Amino acid sequence: MMRKVKEYFIGRAGRDGAGVNLFRTFGYHEIPKFDPFLMMDFFDSTNPEDYIKGFPWHPHRGIETVTYLIYGEIQHEDSIGNKGTIRDGDCQWMTAGSGIMHQEMPQASPKMLGVQLWVNLPKKDKMTVPKYRDILENMIPKYEDEKQIVRVLAGSFQELQGPISGLDTEPIFLDISLQPNEKFEYFLNADFKAFTFLVEGQAVLDVQEGDIRMAPIGALYESGSSIQVYTKNQHARFFLIAGKPLEEPIAWGGPIVMNTKEELDLAFKELDEGVFIK
């Protein structure tokens, strides 16, 4: 059964970090509609003043953060010795687990376009060992034909397997570029939560409704076995993101997401006492 759009979303313009302008497309107030996804911030700017102050040192626990850049450059560093740069087409998939301190500092670029997605960790993995997965552009499988280019960050497409696999949430993260007057269809588990987010151009995100939507906009889908997106006289670039719901309680305090208030209180107590990093 083809999925219908449950609701469209664009989110709210906001500011985070040391003064980064962004769109919080969904977040705390949308729990649990996007489960297992907690939040997604969208960046699209040609003005470095919008983002150059970055995200100085801050903690995370209990989640995974996924930073994916179409264009731009971000330097990062963390408390377990990782250090590097995310550039055009690169992705960083960080498992905060039991606790990590890190910073992400965008560099001035002709254009900054990308997202940061937060993925919840199941209760059994909230305190797992932190780790980074730096995924360079040339590590992301790419399917290409005359109508589309599909980059597979997580999950699979046309027998291509993304570099992220083996997680309880079974995430799917596709970056799709679709030519004008073409159709894209993806089959997935009917019970997975799924959404698309249009980052460039325009497309029909609900084929039963038939209305053309212009970027940036997201569509959260009802249950079903497939998602269809099609274009008319313009191209479109969009993300398709899906995953298995955890259906677990959430206690959320800024950059830390646990299952209970007691776990949350303990995390902040450990931060105060300097024993947050395990």
Protein backbone atom coordinates (compact mmCIF):
# COMPACT_ATOMS: atom_id res chain seq x y z
CA MET A 1 0.00 0.00 0.00
CA MET A 2 1.37 3.39 -0.99
CA ARG A 3 1.88 5.80 1.90
CA LYS A 4 -0.11 9.02 2.15
CA VAL A 5 1.31 12.16 3.72
CA LYS A 6 0.19 12.41 7.33
CA GLU A 7 1.40 15.99 7.68
CA TYR A 8 3.80 18.48 6.15
CA PHE A 9 6.42 20.24 8.24
CA ILE A 10 8.98 23.00 7.84
CA GLY A 11 9.76 23.78 11.46
CA ARG A 12 10.84 27.03 13.02
CA ALA A 13 13.70 29.40 12.36
CA GLY A 14 15.93 29.46 15.40
CA ARG A 15 19.40 29.89 16.80
CA ASP A 16 21.56 27.32 18.55
CA GLY A 17 25.15 26.78 19.60
CA ALA A 18 27.08 30.04 19.93
CA GLY A 19 24.72 31.77 17.51
CA VAL A 20 24.00 29.57 14.49
CA ASN A 21 20.90 30.41 12.46
CA LEU A 22 19.02 27.28 11.41
CA PHE A 23 15.62 25.69 10.86
CA ARG A 24 14.61 23.18 13.50
CA THR A 25 12.38 21.13 11.22
CA PHE A 26 11.18 18.96 14.09
CA GLY A 27 12.26 18.35 17.66
CA TYR A 28 11.13 18.09 21.27
CA HIS A 29 7.57 19.24 20.62
CA GLU A 30 7.01 16.53 17.99
CA ILE A 31 7.72 13.55 20.26
CA PRO A 32 6.90 10.74 19.49
CA LYS A 33 5.66 11.33 15.92
CA PHE A 34 9.08 10.77 14.32
CA ASP A 35 10.29 7.95 16.63
CA PRO A 36 13.15 6.81 16.47
CA PHE A 37 14.22 10.24 15.19
CA LEU A 38 14.32 13.02 17.76
CA MET A 39 15.28 16.16 15.92
CA MET A 40 16.52 17.51 12.60
CA ASP A 41 18.16 20.87 11.97
CA PHE A 42 18.41 22.20 8.41
CA PHE A 43 21.13 24.62 7.29
CA ASP A 44 20.96 26.60 4.05
CA SER A 45 22.96 29.81 3.82
CA THR A 46 25.41 31.71 1.64
CA ASN A 47 26.23 34.09 4.53
CA PRO A 48 28.97 32.81 6.87
CA GLU A 49 27.68 35.12 9.61
CA ASP A 50 24.71 32.76 9.91
CA TYR A 51 26.85 29.88 11.13
CA ILE A 52 30.51 30.78 11.67
CA LYS A 53 30.21 30.96 15.50
CA GLY A 54 29.48 27.24 15.46
CA PHE A 55 28.81 24.77 18.24
CA PRO A 56 31.62 24.98 20.82
CA TRP A 57 32.29 22.19 23.32
CA HIS A 58 29.09 20.54 24.54
CA PRO A 59 27.99 17.11 25.86
CA HIS A 60 25.81 14.35 24.44
CA ARG A 61 24.54 11.12 25.94
CA GLY A 62 21.95 8.54 24.89
CA ILE A 63 21.69 9.44 21.20
CA GLU A 64 23.35 9.34 17.81
CA THR A 65 23.97 12.52 15.82
CA VAL A 66 24.15 12.42 12.04
CA THR A 67 25.68 15.41 10.27
CA TYR A 68 25.41 15.37 6.48
CA LEU A 69 26.64 18.16 4.23
CA ILE A 70 25.65 18.64 0.62
CA TYR A 71 27.83 21.74 0.57
CA GLY A 72 30.06 23.27 3.19
CA GLU A 73 32.81 22.52 5.67
CA ILE A 74 32.70 21.73 9.40
CA GLN A 75 35.71 21.06 11.61
CA HIS A 76 35.04 18.76 14.56
CA GLU A 77 36.85 17.48 17.64
CA ASP A 78 35.82 15.33 20.60
CA SER A 79 36.82 14.13 24.06
CA ILE A 80 37.90 10.65 22.90
CA GLY A 81 40.56 11.91 20.51
CA ASN A 82 38.72 12.20 17.20
CA LYS A 83 39.40 15.24 15.06
CA GLY A 84 38.66 16.01 11.43
CA THR A 85 36.71 17.91 8.80
CA ILE A 86 33.36 17.22 7.14
CA ARG A 87 33.24 18.57 3.57
CA ASP A 88 30.90 18.53 0.55
CA GLY A 89 29.12 15.18 0.40
CA ASP A 90 30.58 13.85 3.67
CA CYS A 91 28.66 12.47 6.65
CA GLN A 92 29.55 11.98 10.29
CA TRP A 93 27.54 9.42 12.27
CA MET A 94 28.38 9.79 15.95
CA THR A 95 27.18 7.46 18.69
CA ALA A 96 27.29 9.47 21.91
CA GLY A 97 26.36 6.48 24.05
CA SER A 98 27.53 6.84 27.66
CA GLY A 99 28.81 10.34 27.08
CA ILE A 100 30.99 12.46 24.85
CA MET A 101 32.09 16.07 24.67
CA HIS A 102 32.56 17.51 21.22
CA GLN A 103 32.53 20.65 19.15
CA GLU A 104 31.47 21.36 15.58
CA MET A 105 32.79 24.54 14.01
CA PRO A 106 31.52 25.42 10.49
CA GLN A 107 34.00 27.20 8.24
CA ALA A 108 33.18 30.02 5.83
CA SER A 109 31.99 28.48 2.55
CA PRO A 110 30.29 29.71 -0.65
CA LYS A 111 27.24 27.75 0.53
CA MET A 112 26.36 25.80 3.66
CA LEU A 113 23.63 23.23 2.94
CA GLY A 114 22.94 20.18 5.04
CA VAL A 115 21.26 18.68 8.07
CA GLN A 116 21.96 17.33 11.50
CA LEU A 117 19.66 14.49 12.52
CA TRP A 118 19.36 13.03 16.03
CA VAL A 119 18.60 9.32 16.24
CA ASN A 120 17.50 7.85 19.57
CA LEU A 121 19.34 4.91 21.10
CA PRO A 122 17.40 2.02 22.66
CA LYS A 123 17.48 1.72 26.45
CA LYS A 124 19.98 -1.15 26.31
CA ASP A 125 22.46 0.99 24.34
CA LYS A 126 22.07 4.34 26.08
CA MET A 127 25.37 3.79 27.92
CA THR A 128 27.29 2.05 25.14
CA VAL A 129 30.86 3.05 24.33
CA PRO A 130 30.92 6.27 22.27
CA LYS A 131 32.22 6.11 18.72
CA TYR A 132 32.52 8.05 15.49
CA ARG A 133 31.91 6.93 11.94
CA ASP A 134 33.40 9.44 9.51
CA ILE A 135 31.85 8.69 6.12
CA LEU A 136 33.62 10.42 3.26
CA GLU A 137 31.77 11.21 0.05
CA ASN A 138 33.60 8.42 -1.82
CA MET A 139 32.47 5.89 0.81
CA ILE A 140 28.76 6.50 0.11
CA PRO A 141 27.38 4.10 -2.53
CA LYS A 142 25.72 5.92 -5.42
CA TYR A 143 23.11 4.59 -7.85
CA GLU A 144 22.76 6.60 -11.03
CA ASP A 145 20.67 6.33 -14.19
CA GLU A 146 19.12 8.78 -16.65
CA LYS A 147 16.39 9.87 -14.23
CA GLN A 148 17.98 9.88 -10.78
CA ILE A 149 21.01 9.80 -8.51
CA VAL A 150 20.54 8.05 -5.18
CA ARG A 151 23.23 8.25 -2.48
CA VAL A 152 22.83 5.54 0.16
CA LEU A 153 24.03 6.64 3.60
CA ALA A 154 22.07 4.01 5.52
CA GLY A 155 19.83 1.15 4.47
CA SER A 156 19.85 -0.09 0.91
CA PHE A 157 18.77 0.80 -2.61
CA GLN A 158 19.01 -1.31 -5.79
CA GLU A 159 21.31 -3.83 -4.03
CA LEU A 160 23.60 -1.06 -2.79
CA GLN A 161 24.14 -1.14 0.97
CA GLY A 162 24.95 2.04 2.86
CA PRO A 163 27.92 2.23 5.24
CA ILE A 164 25.63 2.40 8.30
CA SER A 165 23.97 -0.89 9.26
CA GLY A 166 23.43 -3.23 12.20
CA LEU A 167 21.57 -0.73 14.40
CA ASP A 168 18.40 -1.54 16.33
CA THR A 169 16.55 1.32 14.66
CA GLU A 170 17.48 -0.06 11.20
CA PRO A 171 17.82 3.47 9.78
CA ILE A 172 17.34 4.32 6.13
CA PHE A 173 18.91 7.55 4.86
CA LEU A 174 18.82 8.23 1.13
CA ASP A 175 19.80 11.44 -0.67
CA ILE A 176 17.88 11.50 -3.97
CA SER A 177 18.32 13.82 -6.95
CA LEU A 178 15.43 13.40 -9.38
CA GLN A 179 15.26 14.83 -12.91
CA PRO A 180 12.15 16.72 -14.14
CA ASN A 181 9.09 14.65 -15.06
CA GLU A 182 10.28 11.52 -13.28
CA LYS A 183 9.04 9.29 -10.46
CA PHE A 184 10.90 7.80 -7.52
CA GLU A 185 9.51 4.86 -5.55
CA TYR A 186 10.92 3.11 -2.49
CA PHE A 187 9.60 0.02 -0.75
CA LEU A 188 10.10 -0.33 3.00
CA ASN A 189 8.76 -1.96 6.14
CA ALA A 190 5.15 -0.84 6.56
CA ASP A 191 5.63 -0.16 10.29
CA PHE A 192 8.71 2.07 9.97
CA LYS A 193 8.29 5.78 10.60
CA ALA A 194 9.30 7.61 7.43
CA PHE A 195 9.60 11.14 6.12
CA THR A 196 10.99 12.98 3.13
CA PHE A 197 12.60 16.40 3.22
CA LEU A 198 12.85 18.46 0.05
CA VAL A 199 16.07 20.51 0.05
CA GLU A 200 16.20 21.77 -3.56
CA GLY A 201 13.68 22.30 -6.35
CA GLN A 202 10.08 21.17 -6.21
CA ALA A 203 8.19 17.88 -6.20
CA VAL A 204 4.92 16.13 -5.49
CA LEU A 205 5.44 14.38 -2.13
CA ASP A 206 1.94 12.90 -1.95
CA VAL A 207 0.89 11.42 -5.29
CA GLN A 208 -2.71 11.00 -4.16
CA GLU A 209 -2.94 14.70 -3.33
CA GLY A 210 -0.96 15.81 -6.40
CA ASP A 211 0.12 19.23 -5.11
CA ILE A 212 3.58 20.54 -6.02
CA ARG A 213 5.65 21.48 -2.98
CA MET A 214 8.68 23.78 -3.05
CA ALA A 215 11.86 23.38 -1.00
CA PRO A 216 12.39 23.47 1.87
CA ILE A 217 9.56 21.30 3.20
CA GLY A 218 9.17 17.91 4.82
CA ALA A 219 6.46 15.27 4.65
CA LEU A 220 5.77 12.74 7.42
CA TYR A 221 4.02 9.65 6.06
CA GLU A 222 1.36 7.30 7.34
CA SER A 223 2.11 3.57 7.45
CA GLY A 224 2.36 1.61 4.21
CA SER A 225 4.73 -0.42 2.07
CA SER A 226 6.01 2.22 -0.38
CA ILE A 227 6.71 5.93 -0.79
CA GLN A 228 6.40 7.71 -4.13
CA VAL A 229 7.71 11.14 -5.08
CA TYR A 230 7.51 12.63 -8.55
CA THR A 231 8.61 15.78 -10.33
CA LYS A 232 7.00 17.88 -13.02
CA ASN A 233 8.91 20.55 -14.91
CA GLN A 234 11.68 21.04 -12.33
CA HIS A 235 14.25 18.80 -10.69
CA ALA A 236 14.16 17.92 -7.00
CA ARG A 237 16.69 16.89 -4.38
CA PHE A 238 15.30 15.34 -1.24
CA PHE A 239 16.14 13.05 1.64
CA LEU A 240 14.17 9.92 2.45
CA ILE A 241 14.68 8.96 6.10
CA ALA A 242 13.02 6.03 7.85
CA GLY A 243 13.55 3.77 10.82
CA LYS A 244 12.07 1.27 13.24
CA PRO A 245 10.27 2.96 16.16
CA LEU A 246 11.68 2.21 19.62
CA GLU A 247 8.43 2.99 21.47
CA GLU A 248 10.33 3.67 24.69
CA PRO A 249 9.86 6.50 27.21
CA ILE A 250 11.90 9.64 26.60
CA ALA A 251 13.45 12.01 29.14
CA TRP A 252 15.05 14.87 27.23
CA GLY A 253 17.31 17.57 28.61
CA GLY A 254 19.05 19.65 25.95
CA PRO A 255 21.82 17.54 24.38
CA ILE A 256 21.06 14.49 26.56
CA VAL A 257 18.20 12.06 25.94
CA MET A 258 17.55 9.19 28.35
CA ASN A 259 14.56 7.06 29.36
CA THR A 260 13.85 8.42 32.85
CA LYS A 261 14.17 11.68 34.75
CA GLU A 262 16.46 9.92 37.22
CA GLU A 263 18.88 9.01 34.41
CA LEU A 264 18.74 12.57 33.15
CA ASP A 265 19.40 14.01 36.61
CA LEU A 266 22.36 11.66 37.03
CA ALA A 267 23.85 12.76 33.70
CA PHE A 268 23.77 16.43 34.69
CA LYS A 269 25.09 15.62 38.17
CA GLU A 270 28.02 13.81 36.55
CA LEU A 271 28.62 16.82 34.31
CA ASP A 272 28.77 19.08 37.35
CA GLU A 273 31.15 16.71 39.14
CA GLY A 274 33.45 16.22 36.12
CA VAL A 275 32.78 12.46 35.81
CA PHE A 276 30.50 12.52 32.75
CA ILE A 277 33.04 10.90 30.40
CA LYS A 278 33.36 7.18 31.20
